[in-house]
Structures are given as C-alpha cells and as structure tokens.
C-alpha cells in the first residue's frame, strides 16, 4: 500500500520563521525515514518544543509588558 506523503505548503505556515523552518524540516525528515525514524523524530521534537516554548514565553512577556495579563 502506497500512502502519499504529506508535503510542505506555505498555506500551513504559522508566520513565525523559526517554527515554520522547523516544521518544514519535519516534513523533510518524515519523507526520509528509513528505519531510524524514532531517533530522528525524537531529536527534532525536543528542539522544536524548546523553540515553541521560547516563542510562547516571548508572547506572554510581551502581553505582560503591554498590560494584557
């Protein structure tokens, strides 16, 4: 059974360059899995979560600075 691979599209970008670049990288990684996918995905996921967390903290801090808590 051949399942079509998902492909990256600008339509699914978040507008946050770091996060979009990492998500595009995930699509590229997923297309290249050849048996060691779990290890590759774990490394990518860890870095991505750190990036998303940093972006979230920046948004919260900006909202606090603007008086929107």
C-alpha atoms as a PDB file:
ATOM      1  CA  UNK A   1       0.000   0.000   0.000  1.00  0.00           C
ATOM      2  CA  UNK A   2       1.462   3.340  -1.012  1.00  0.00           C
ATOM      3  CA  UNK A   3       0.360   6.129   1.274  1.00  0.00           C
ATOM      4  CA  UNK A   4       1.021   9.559  -0.208  1.00  0.00           C
ATOM      5  CA  UNK A   5       3.439  11.657   1.808  1.00  0.00           C
ATOM      6  CA  UNK A   6       2.322  14.986   3.147  1.00  0.00           C
ATOM      7  CA  UNK A   7       4.218  17.843   1.558  1.00  0.00           C
ATOM      8  CA  UNK A   8       5.077  21.227   2.966  1.00  0.00           C
ATOM      9  CA  UNK A   9       2.970  24.128   1.784  1.00  0.00           C
ATOM     10  CA  UNK A  10       3.134  27.859   2.581  1.00  0.00           C
ATOM     11  CA  UNK A  11      -0.586  27.530   3.389  1.00  0.00           C
ATOM     12  CA  UNK A  12       0.286  25.854   6.697  1.00  0.00           C
ATOM     13  CA  UNK A  13       2.902  28.358   7.856  1.00  0.00           C
ATOM     14  CA  UNK A  14       2.397  29.992  11.229  1.00  0.00           C
ATOM     15  CA  UNK A  15       4.184  33.221  10.343  1.00  0.00           C
ATOM     16  CA  UNK A  16       6.859  32.508  12.963  1.00  0.00           C
ATOM     17  CA  UNK A  17      10.033  31.889  10.913  1.00  0.00           C
ATOM     18  CA  UNK A  18      11.819  29.619  13.411  1.00  0.00           C
ATOM     19  CA  UNK A  19       8.773  27.434  13.935  1.00  0.00           C
ATOM     20  CA  UNK A  20       7.924  27.298  10.225  1.00  0.00           C
ATOM     21  CA  UNK A  21      11.503  26.307   9.381  1.00  0.00           C
ATOM     22  CA  UNK A  22      11.417  23.507  11.951  1.00  0.00           C
ATOM     23  CA  UNK A  23       8.050  22.242  10.758  1.00  0.00           C
ATOM     24  CA  UNK A  24       9.288  22.222   7.161  1.00  0.00           C
ATOM     25  CA  UNK A  25      12.307  20.290   8.399  1.00  0.00           C
ATOM     26  CA  UNK A  26       9.932  17.750   9.979  1.00  0.00           C
ATOM     27  CA  UNK A  27       8.205  17.222   6.638  1.00  0.00           C
ATOM     28  CA  UNK A  28      11.610  16.690   5.017  1.00  0.00           C
ATOM     29  CA  UNK A  29      12.687  14.288   7.782  1.00  0.00           C
ATOM     30  CA  UNK A  30       9.466  12.311   7.600  1.00  0.00           C
ATOM     31  CA  UNK A  31       9.994  11.835   3.874  1.00  0.00           C
ATOM     32  CA  UNK A  32      13.474  10.416   4.511  1.00  0.00           C
ATOM     33  CA  UNK A  33      12.763   7.880   7.286  1.00  0.00           C
ATOM     34  CA  UNK A  34      14.396   4.550   6.548  1.00  0.00           C
ATOM     35  CA  UNK A  35      14.078   2.615   9.796  1.00  0.00           C
ATOM     36  CA  UNK A  36      15.667   5.087  12.240  1.00  0.00           C
ATOM     37  CA  UNK A  37      12.727   7.454  12.251  1.00  0.00           C
ATOM     38  CA  UNK A  38      12.094   7.321  16.000  1.00  0.00           C
ATOM     39  CA  UNK A  39      15.572   8.563  16.846  1.00  0.00           C
ATOM     40  CA  UNK A  40      15.450  11.300  14.206  1.00  0.00           C
ATOM     41  CA  UNK A  41      11.973  12.395  15.271  1.00  0.00           C
ATOM     42  CA  UNK A  42      12.855  12.462  18.978  1.00  0.00           C
ATOM     43  CA  UNK A  43      15.794  14.813  18.332  1.00  0.00           C
ATOM     44  CA  UNK A  44      13.690  17.073  16.113  1.00  0.00           C
ATOM     45  CA  UNK A  45      10.764  17.100  18.540  1.00  0.00           C
ATOM     46  CA  UNK A  46      12.950  18.057  21.502  1.00  0.00           C
ATOM     47  CA  UNK A  47      14.420  21.040  19.636  1.00  0.00           C
ATOM     48  CA  UNK A  48      11.015  22.066  18.294  1.00  0.00           C
ATOM     49  CA  UNK A  49       9.410  22.039  21.746  1.00  0.00           C
ATOM     50  CA  UNK A  50      12.206  24.286  23.042  1.00  0.00           C
ATOM     51  CA  UNK A  51      11.589  26.722  20.180  1.00  0.00           C
ATOM     52  CA  UNK A  52       7.821  26.760  20.655  1.00  0.00           C
ATOM     53  CA  UNK A  53       8.245  27.243  24.407  1.00  0.00           C
ATOM     54  CA  UNK A  54      10.598  30.193  23.869  1.00  0.00           C
ATOM     55  CA  UNK A  55       8.128  31.763  21.422  1.00  0.00           C
ATOM     56  CA  UNK A  56       5.279  31.283  23.896  1.00  0.00           C
ATOM     57  CA  UNK A  57       7.278  32.869  26.721  1.00  0.00           C
ATOM     58  CA  UNK A  58       8.121  35.836  24.474  1.00  0.00           C
ATOM     59  CA  UNK A  59       4.438  36.339  23.602  1.00  0.00           C
ATOM     60  CA  UNK A  60       3.380  36.127  27.253  1.00  0.00           C
ATOM     61  CA  UNK A  61       6.087  38.578  28.315  1.00  0.00           C
ATOM     62  CA  UNK A  62       5.097  40.995  25.540  1.00  0.00           C
ATOM     63  CA  UNK A  63       1.489  40.797  26.688  1.00  0.00           C
ATOM     64  CA  UNK A  64       2.522  41.433  30.289  1.00  0.00           C
ATOM     65  CA  UNK A  65       4.630  44.406  29.248  1.00  0.00           C
ATOM     66  CA  UNK A  66       1.643  45.818  27.375  1.00  0.00           C
ATOM     67  CA  UNK A  67      -0.585  45.307  30.428  1.00  0.00           C
ATOM     68  CA  UNK A  68      -2.502  42.382  28.937  1.00  0.00           C
ATOM     69  CA  UNK A  69      -2.190  39.674  31.579  1.00  0.00           C
END
